[in-house]
Protein backbone atom coordinates (compact mmCIF):
# COMPACT_ATOMS: atom_id res chain seq x y z
CA UNK A 1 14.04 10.65 -60.80
CA UNK A 2 13.71 9.26 -63.79
CA UNK A 3 11.30 6.48 -64.80
CA UNK A 4 9.82 4.08 -67.47
CA UNK A 5 10.04 4.83 -70.85
CA UNK A 6 11.82 8.16 -70.38
CA UNK A 7 15.05 8.26 -72.24
CA UNK A 8 18.47 7.35 -70.24
CA UNK A 9 20.49 10.67 -70.03
CA UNK A 10 23.77 11.80 -71.95
CA UNK A 11 26.85 11.73 -70.22
CA UNK A 12 30.44 11.21 -70.75
CA UNK A 13 32.28 9.74 -67.54
CA UNK A 14 35.74 8.15 -66.82
CA UNK A 15 35.61 4.52 -66.41
CA UNK A 16 37.72 1.81 -64.41
CA UNK A 17 37.96 -1.69 -65.62
CA UNK A 18 40.03 -3.13 -63.66
CA UNK A 19 42.60 -2.96 -60.67
CA UNK A 20 45.02 -1.96 -62.45
CA UNK A 21 46.07 2.04 -62.54
CA UNK A 22 45.48 2.97 -66.58
CA UNK A 23 48.00 5.55 -68.65
CA UNK A 24 44.16 6.86 -69.55
CA UNK A 25 40.86 6.22 -67.88
CA UNK A 26 38.37 5.12 -71.17
CA UNK A 27 35.34 7.50 -70.88
CA UNK A 28 32.18 5.82 -71.79
CA UNK A 29 29.25 7.72 -72.55
CA UNK A 30 25.47 6.70 -73.35
CA UNK A 31 26.01 5.58 -76.52
CA UNK A 32 28.79 3.20 -75.39
CA UNK A 33 27.89 -0.58 -76.47
CA UNK A 34 25.82 0.33 -79.24
CA UNK A 35 23.09 -2.24 -80.29
CA UNK A 36 23.29 -3.86 -76.50
CA UNK A 37 20.57 -3.86 -73.77
CA UNK A 38 22.45 -1.56 -70.39
CA UNK A 39 22.29 -2.48 -66.60
CA UNK A 40 23.55 0.23 -64.62
CA UNK A 41 23.65 -0.09 -61.05
CA UNK A 42 24.27 2.64 -58.68
CA UNK A 43 25.68 2.38 -55.30
CA UNK A 44 26.41 5.18 -52.68
CA UNK A 45 29.93 5.26 -51.75
CA UNK A 46 33.58 2.83 -52.12
CA UNK A 47 35.04 1.31 -49.33
CA UNK A 48 31.74 0.97 -47.39
CA UNK A 49 29.92 -2.20 -46.10
CA UNK A 50 26.88 -3.30 -48.38
CA UNK A 51 28.11 -1.92 -51.61
CA UNK A 52 30.97 -4.52 -52.01
CA UNK A 53 28.40 -7.27 -51.86
CA UNK A 54 26.15 -6.21 -54.68
CA UNK A 55 28.89 -5.58 -57.06
CA UNK A 56 30.63 -8.75 -56.50
CA UNK A 57 27.18 -10.47 -56.84
CA UNK A 58 26.57 -8.40 -59.93
CA UNK A 59 29.85 -9.33 -61.08
CA UNK A 60 29.34 -12.90 -60.89
CA UNK A 61 26.52 -12.61 -62.75
CA UNK A 62 28.15 -10.68 -65.36
CA UNK A 63 28.85 -13.46 -68.09
CA UNK A 64 24.66 -14.07 -67.70
CA UNK A 65 24.01 -10.13 -68.52
CA UNK A 66 26.68 -11.01 -71.43
CA UNK A 67 24.63 -14.26 -72.52
CA UNK A 68 21.64 -11.79 -72.91
CA UNK A 69 23.17 -9.10 -74.81
CA UNK A 70 23.31 -6.94 -71.83
CA UNK A 71 26.42 -5.03 -70.72
CA UNK A 72 26.58 -4.26 -66.71
CA UNK A 73 27.80 -0.74 -66.08
CA UNK A 74 28.24 0.74 -62.52
CA UNK A 75 28.78 3.40 -61.07
CA UNK A 76 29.03 5.86 -57.80
CA UNK A 77 29.90 9.41 -57.50
CA UNK A 78 33.57 8.40 -56.05
CA UNK A 79 36.24 9.23 -58.77
CA UNK A 80 38.23 6.96 -61.08
CA UNK A 81 41.21 6.88 -58.78
CA UNK A 82 39.35 5.82 -55.23
CA UNK A 83 37.49 2.80 -57.52
CA UNK A 84 41.00 1.77 -58.60
CA UNK A 85 42.27 1.87 -54.91
CA UNK A 86 39.00 0.33 -53.42
CA UNK A 87 39.26 -2.64 -56.52
CA UNK A 88 43.19 -2.77 -55.26
CA UNK A 89 42.13 -3.33 -51.68
CA UNK A 90 40.12 -6.44 -51.56
CA UNK A 91 40.33 -9.63 -53.85
CA UNK A 92 36.72 -9.92 -54.33
CA UNK A 93 36.54 -6.55 -56.12
CA UNK A 94 39.61 -7.26 -58.16
CA UNK A 95 38.11 -9.72 -59.64
CA UNK A 96 34.99 -7.67 -61.05
CA UNK A 97 35.18 -7.21 -64.80
CA UNK A 98 32.50 -4.93 -65.73
CA UNK A 99 33.45 -1.30 -65.86
CA UNK A 100 32.60 1.67 -62.78
CA UNK A 101 31.65 5.05 -63.73
CA UNK A 102 33.21 7.86 -61.76
CA UNK A 103 30.23 10.38 -61.37
CA UNK A 104 32.29 12.46 -59.47
CA UNK A 105 30.64 16.00 -60.27
CA UNK A 106 27.18 13.94 -59.37
CA UNK A 107 25.87 14.75 -63.05
CA UNK A 108 24.60 11.74 -63.79
CA UNK A 109 23.00 10.98 -60.66
CA UNK A 110 21.61 14.29 -60.71
CA UNK A 111 20.35 13.93 -63.94
CA UNK A 112 18.81 10.49 -63.07
CA UNK A 113 17.32 11.63 -59.95
CA UNK A 114 18.99 9.60 -57.66
CA UNK A 115 20.55 11.63 -55.33
CA UNK A 116 20.49 10.88 -52.07
CA UNK A 117 18.93 14.43 -49.97
CA UNK A 118 20.51 14.18 -46.87
CA UNK A 119 24.16 12.34 -48.02
CA UNK A 120 24.36 13.60 -51.45
CA UNK A 121 25.16 10.43 -52.47
CA UNK A 122 23.80 8.13 -55.63
CA UNK A 123 20.99 5.81 -53.82
CA UNK A 124 21.44 2.21 -54.68
CA UNK A 125 19.75 2.37 -58.08
CA UNK A 126 19.46 0.15 -60.85
CA UNK A 127 17.88 0.55 -64.34
CA UNK A 128 17.61 -1.38 -67.32
CA UNK A 129 18.32 0.22 -70.49
CA UNK A 130 16.89 -1.35 -74.03
CA UNK A 131 19.04 -0.86 -77.15
CA UNK A 132 17.47 2.79 -78.08
CA UNK A 133 18.34 3.71 -75.08
CA UNK A 134 14.96 3.93 -73.01
CA UNK A 135 14.76 2.89 -69.49
CA UNK A 136 12.55 -0.27 -69.34
CA UNK A 137 13.38 -0.67 -65.41
CA UNK A 138 14.19 1.30 -62.43
CA UNK A 139 14.58 0.02 -58.62
CA UNK A 140 16.00 1.94 -56.15
CA UNK A 141 16.77 0.81 -52.73
CA UNK A 142 17.30 2.42 -49.50
CA UNK A 143 21.08 2.95 -48.62
CA UNK A 144 21.21 0.15 -46.28
CA UNK A 145 19.81 -2.64 -48.44
CA UNK A 146 21.34 -4.16 -50.90
CA UNK A 147 19.65 -5.72 -53.99
CA UNK A 148 19.17 -8.95 -55.64
CA UNK A 149 21.09 -9.44 -58.69
CA UNK A 150 19.48 -12.46 -60.02
CA UNK A 151 15.77 -10.46 -59.90
CA UNK A 152 17.58 -7.89 -62.33
CA UNK A 153 17.92 -11.09 -64.60
CA UNK A 154 14.62 -12.00 -64.61
CA UNK A 155 13.35 -8.87 -65.29
CA UNK A 156 15.77 -8.41 -68.01
CA UNK A 157 15.07 -12.04 -69.39
CA UNK A 158 11.09 -10.81 -69.53
CA UNK A 159 11.75 -7.44 -70.86
CA UNK A 160 13.71 -9.34 -73.27
CA UNK A 161 10.63 -11.55 -74.38
CA UNK A 162 8.43 -9.00 -75.61
CA UNK A 163 5.33 -10.60 -74.23
CA UNK A 164 3.15 -10.30 -71.18
CA UNK A 165 5.09 -12.23 -68.41
CA UNK A 166 2.95 -13.26 -64.58
CA UNK A 167 4.36 -12.72 -61.16
CA UNK A 168 7.29 -15.11 -60.59
CA UNK A 169 7.89 -15.50 -64.21
CA UNK A 170 10.97 -17.40 -65.17
CA UNK A 171 12.67 -17.51 -68.51
CA UNK A 172 11.60 -20.69 -70.02
CA UNK A 173 8.34 -20.37 -68.83
CA UNK A 174 4.95 -19.72 -70.47
CA UNK A 175 4.12 -16.22 -70.74
CA UNK A 176 0.32 -15.26 -70.60
CA UNK A 177 -1.49 -14.46 -73.99
CA UNK A 178 -4.08 -11.83 -74.09
CA UNK A 179 -7.70 -13.20 -74.60
């Protein structure tokens, strides 16, 4: 699995940005949103139970990510058509505004090392990537356990200080000074 300090891999994937079936799906790659921090959050499968709770919770913080000059990008190994159908099937997912990558060939998930060995789908993985394309944070959860998006915001805040941040540090608190 790729980790802290590794370059986020190159990719070119179709994305879904709403519940509307577009004429053409936009294609995103590692250079999309140049100069921005990127927060990638992968989930195992569309039309499941834990996944929408995470997708909606991250979506509720989308403006908070944007305020931090970060772009939220979701993704799974489902197709762009499955993504659209799932968004259309649930009002809470219709309201989500960040793009979802369709990694149907599993190339990005494999390059990241997050494919579940038993299921062959993406694990619940989160990557914070700096504007230079370097991975600065990685978190991977078991398929049955959802994430805490507020913790991802906290870590992003800490990374953006470029300072030493103690345990449970929150934005606005003092950072540590090396003696």
